[in-house]
Amino acid sequence: MCFEAPEIVIFMTAKDMHFFLTKLLILRFAQNDRSCTIPPMKDYYVYIMASRSRTLYPGVSNNLERRVAQHKQKLLPGFTAEYRIDRLVCFEHLGDIRAAIQREKQIKGWIREKKLALIKSVNPGWCDLSESWFPGAKASMTSRVSGKSASCRRADEKTNADSSRSLP
């Protein structure tokens, strides 16, 4: 394609032409419609829940606290209720639902060892990251000093012991 303007000649490929016209239409629309704004980012979460025996379940939600509560109370029949998957061990915050769904699918496609490595990188003690969100649940298991549950403290101690043993 060739455009001619006074003393200017521009050569474009079809792909460049499409890009140029798309941008031009967007600019013209924005100029004509002053209410045209970029939609605000929303909150989306990709998470991994686990059972005590470390059975894993990756998921996506726009309200992580509500979704975790549903898993903990077994309000969703199926895999998570059947395998008692009720501990939030890992989550990521994203601003776009398409990106969140893509990330969830990516994690679901990983082999177990890769999922375990992700969890260990952000939560080496496998603590329930949502434990403080629900004050009534398991309150007796939480230490007033550290704010961690007994099982989480034991996991941290085991991780520290394992790492000290590997030193020369």
Protein backbone atom coordinates (compact mmCIF):
# COMPACT_ATOMS: atom_id res chain seq x y z
CA MET A 1 0.00 0.00 0.00
CA CYS A 2 1.11 3.52 -0.62
CA PHE A 3 -0.20 6.70 0.98
CA GLU A 4 0.52 10.07 -0.50
CA ALA A 5 0.50 13.24 1.51
CA PRO A 6 1.96 16.58 0.46
CA GLU A 7 5.61 15.78 -0.21
CA ILE A 8 5.43 12.52 1.81
CA VAL A 9 5.09 8.99 0.46
CA ILE A 10 4.69 6.13 2.97
CA PHE A 11 4.97 2.46 2.03
CA MET A 12 3.35 -0.08 4.39
CA THR A 13 2.84 -3.79 4.54
CA ALA A 14 -0.70 -5.07 5.06
CA LYS A 15 0.14 -5.85 8.71
CA ASP A 16 1.48 -2.34 9.31
CA MET A 17 -1.58 -0.88 7.57
CA HIS A 18 -3.92 -2.82 9.86
CA PHE A 19 -2.01 -1.65 12.95
CA PHE A 20 -1.98 1.96 11.75
CA LEU A 21 -5.70 2.04 10.93
CA THR A 22 -6.61 0.38 14.24
CA LYS A 23 -4.64 2.98 16.19
CA LEU A 24 -6.16 5.78 14.10
CA LEU A 25 -9.69 4.56 14.80
CA ILE A 26 -8.97 4.30 18.53
CA LEU A 27 -7.58 7.83 18.62
CA ARG A 28 -10.51 9.26 16.69
CA PHE A 29 -12.99 7.43 18.94
CA ALA A 30 -11.24 8.75 22.06
CA GLN A 31 -11.25 12.30 20.71
CA ASN A 32 -14.97 12.19 19.85
CA ASP A 33 -16.08 10.47 23.02
CA ARG A 34 -14.67 12.21 26.10
CA SER A 35 -16.16 9.52 28.35
CA CYS A 36 -13.87 6.94 26.75
CA THR A 37 -11.60 5.66 29.51
CA ILE A 38 -9.48 2.61 30.06
CA PRO A 39 -11.41 0.14 32.24
CA PRO A 40 -9.94 -0.18 35.75
CA MET A 41 -7.90 -3.26 36.62
CA LYS A 42 -9.70 -5.81 38.74
CA ASP A 43 -8.36 -8.37 41.16
CA TYR A 44 -7.97 -11.96 40.05
CA TYR A 45 -6.08 -14.68 41.85
CA VAL A 46 -4.51 -17.93 40.78
CA TYR A 47 -4.14 -20.14 43.82
CA ILE A 48 -3.04 -23.59 44.89
CA MET A 49 -4.92 -25.36 47.68
CA ALA A 50 -3.57 -28.49 49.36
CA SER A 51 -4.71 -31.21 51.72
CA ARG A 52 -2.79 -32.40 54.79
CA SER A 53 -1.42 -35.20 52.62
CA ARG A 54 -0.37 -32.56 50.03
CA THR A 55 -2.88 -33.37 47.34
CA LEU A 56 -2.91 -30.23 45.19
CA TYR A 57 -5.66 -28.22 43.53
CA PRO A 58 -4.92 -25.11 41.41
CA GLY A 59 -7.75 -22.67 40.78
CA VAL A 60 -8.67 -19.10 39.80
CA SER A 61 -11.01 -16.61 41.48
CA ASN A 62 -11.88 -12.93 41.61
CA ASN A 63 -12.48 -13.17 45.37
CA LEU A 64 -9.81 -15.31 46.99
CA GLU A 65 -11.10 -15.06 50.55
CA ARG A 66 -14.61 -16.19 49.56
CA ARG A 67 -13.24 -19.02 47.40
CA VAL A 68 -10.95 -20.31 50.14
CA ALA A 69 -13.86 -20.22 52.61
CA GLN A 70 -15.91 -22.31 50.16
CA HIS A 71 -13.12 -24.90 50.03
CA LYS A 72 -12.67 -24.92 53.80
CA GLN A 73 -16.41 -25.36 54.44
CA LYS A 74 -16.71 -27.96 51.66
CA LEU A 75 -19.49 -25.96 49.98
CA LEU A 76 -18.28 -27.08 46.56
CA PRO A 77 -18.94 -30.75 45.94
CA GLY A 78 -16.30 -32.62 44.02
CA PHE A 79 -12.56 -33.12 44.10
CA THR A 80 -11.64 -30.59 46.80
CA ALA A 81 -14.36 -31.72 49.20
CA GLU A 82 -13.66 -35.40 48.58
CA TYR A 83 -9.91 -35.08 49.16
CA ARG A 84 -10.24 -32.54 52.02
CA ILE A 85 -8.30 -29.85 50.22
CA ASP A 86 -8.61 -26.88 52.55
CA ARG A 87 -5.22 -25.17 52.91
CA LEU A 88 -4.14 -22.20 50.81
CA VAL A 89 -0.43 -22.81 50.14
CA CYS A 90 0.27 -20.46 47.23
CA PHE A 91 -1.40 -17.63 45.32
CA GLU A 92 -0.63 -14.97 42.73
CA HIS A 93 -2.47 -11.70 42.11
CA LEU A 94 -3.22 -10.67 38.51
CA GLY A 95 -5.16 -7.74 37.08
CA ASP A 96 -6.62 -9.43 34.01
CA ILE A 97 -8.95 -12.43 33.95
CA ARG A 98 -7.48 -13.75 30.70
CA ALA A 99 -3.98 -13.70 32.20
CA ALA A 100 -5.27 -15.40 35.36
CA ILE A 101 -7.00 -18.19 33.42
CA GLN A 102 -3.91 -18.65 31.25
CA ARG A 103 -1.70 -18.90 34.35
CA GLU A 104 -4.07 -21.40 35.99
CA LYS A 105 -3.99 -23.58 32.87
CA GLN A 106 -0.20 -23.31 32.78
CA ILE A 107 0.11 -24.46 36.40
CA LYS A 108 -2.44 -27.26 35.89
CA GLY A 109 -0.32 -28.49 32.98
CA TRP A 110 2.85 -28.70 35.05
CA ILE A 111 4.17 -31.94 36.47
CA ARG A 112 3.78 -32.30 40.24
CA GLU A 113 7.46 -31.57 40.97
CA LYS A 114 7.22 -28.17 39.28
CA LYS A 115 4.11 -27.29 41.32
CA LEU A 116 5.91 -28.36 44.50
CA ALA A 117 8.91 -26.19 43.57
CA LEU A 118 6.60 -23.17 43.11
CA ILE A 119 4.98 -23.74 46.50
CA LYS A 120 8.35 -24.27 48.21
CA SER A 121 9.70 -21.04 46.68
CA VAL A 122 6.94 -18.92 48.25
CA ASN A 123 5.88 -21.05 51.24
CA PRO A 124 8.63 -23.48 52.28
CA GLY A 125 6.79 -24.48 55.47
CA TRP A 126 3.54 -25.24 53.61
CA CYS A 127 1.69 -22.93 56.03
CA ASP A 128 -1.99 -22.24 55.43
CA LEU A 129 -1.71 -18.68 54.10
CA SER A 130 -5.40 -18.07 54.84
CA GLU A 131 -5.30 -19.14 58.47
CA SER A 132 -5.50 -15.59 59.82
CA TRP A 133 -8.46 -14.76 57.54
CA PHE A 134 -10.83 -16.95 59.55
CA PRO A 135 -10.18 -16.18 63.23
CA GLY A 136 -12.62 -18.73 64.68
CA ALA A 137 -11.20 -21.68 62.80
CA LYS A 138 -8.21 -23.47 64.34
CA ALA A 139 -7.54 -20.56 66.72
CA SER A 140 -6.32 -22.96 69.39
CA MET A 141 -3.67 -24.30 67.03
CA THR A 142 -2.12 -20.86 66.43
CA SER A 143 0.74 -19.60 68.55
CA ARG A 144 0.16 -16.20 70.13
CA VAL A 145 3.89 -15.45 69.83
CA SER A 146 4.69 -16.40 66.24
CA GLY A 147 1.19 -16.22 64.75
CA LYS A 148 1.86 -19.58 63.10
CA SER A 149 0.02 -22.82 63.59
CA ALA A 150 1.76 -25.69 65.34
CA SER A 151 1.97 -27.67 62.10
CA CYS A 152 3.48 -24.67 60.30
CA ARG A 153 6.05 -24.14 63.08
CA ARG A 154 6.99 -27.84 62.92
CA ALA A 155 7.39 -27.59 59.13
CA ASP A 156 9.60 -24.49 59.53
CA GLU A 157 11.69 -26.27 62.15
CA LYS A 158 12.04 -29.30 59.88
CA THR A 159 13.06 -27.06 56.95
CA ASN A 160 15.64 -25.29 59.14
CA ALA A 161 16.97 -28.63 60.45
CA ASP A 162 17.21 -30.04 56.91
CA SER A 163 19.09 -26.97 55.67
CA SER A 164 21.52 -27.00 58.64
CA ARG A 165 22.31 -30.69 58.02
CA SER A 166 23.30 -29.99 54.42
CA LEU A 167 26.03 -27.55 55.50
CA PRO A 168 29.63 -28.94 55.49
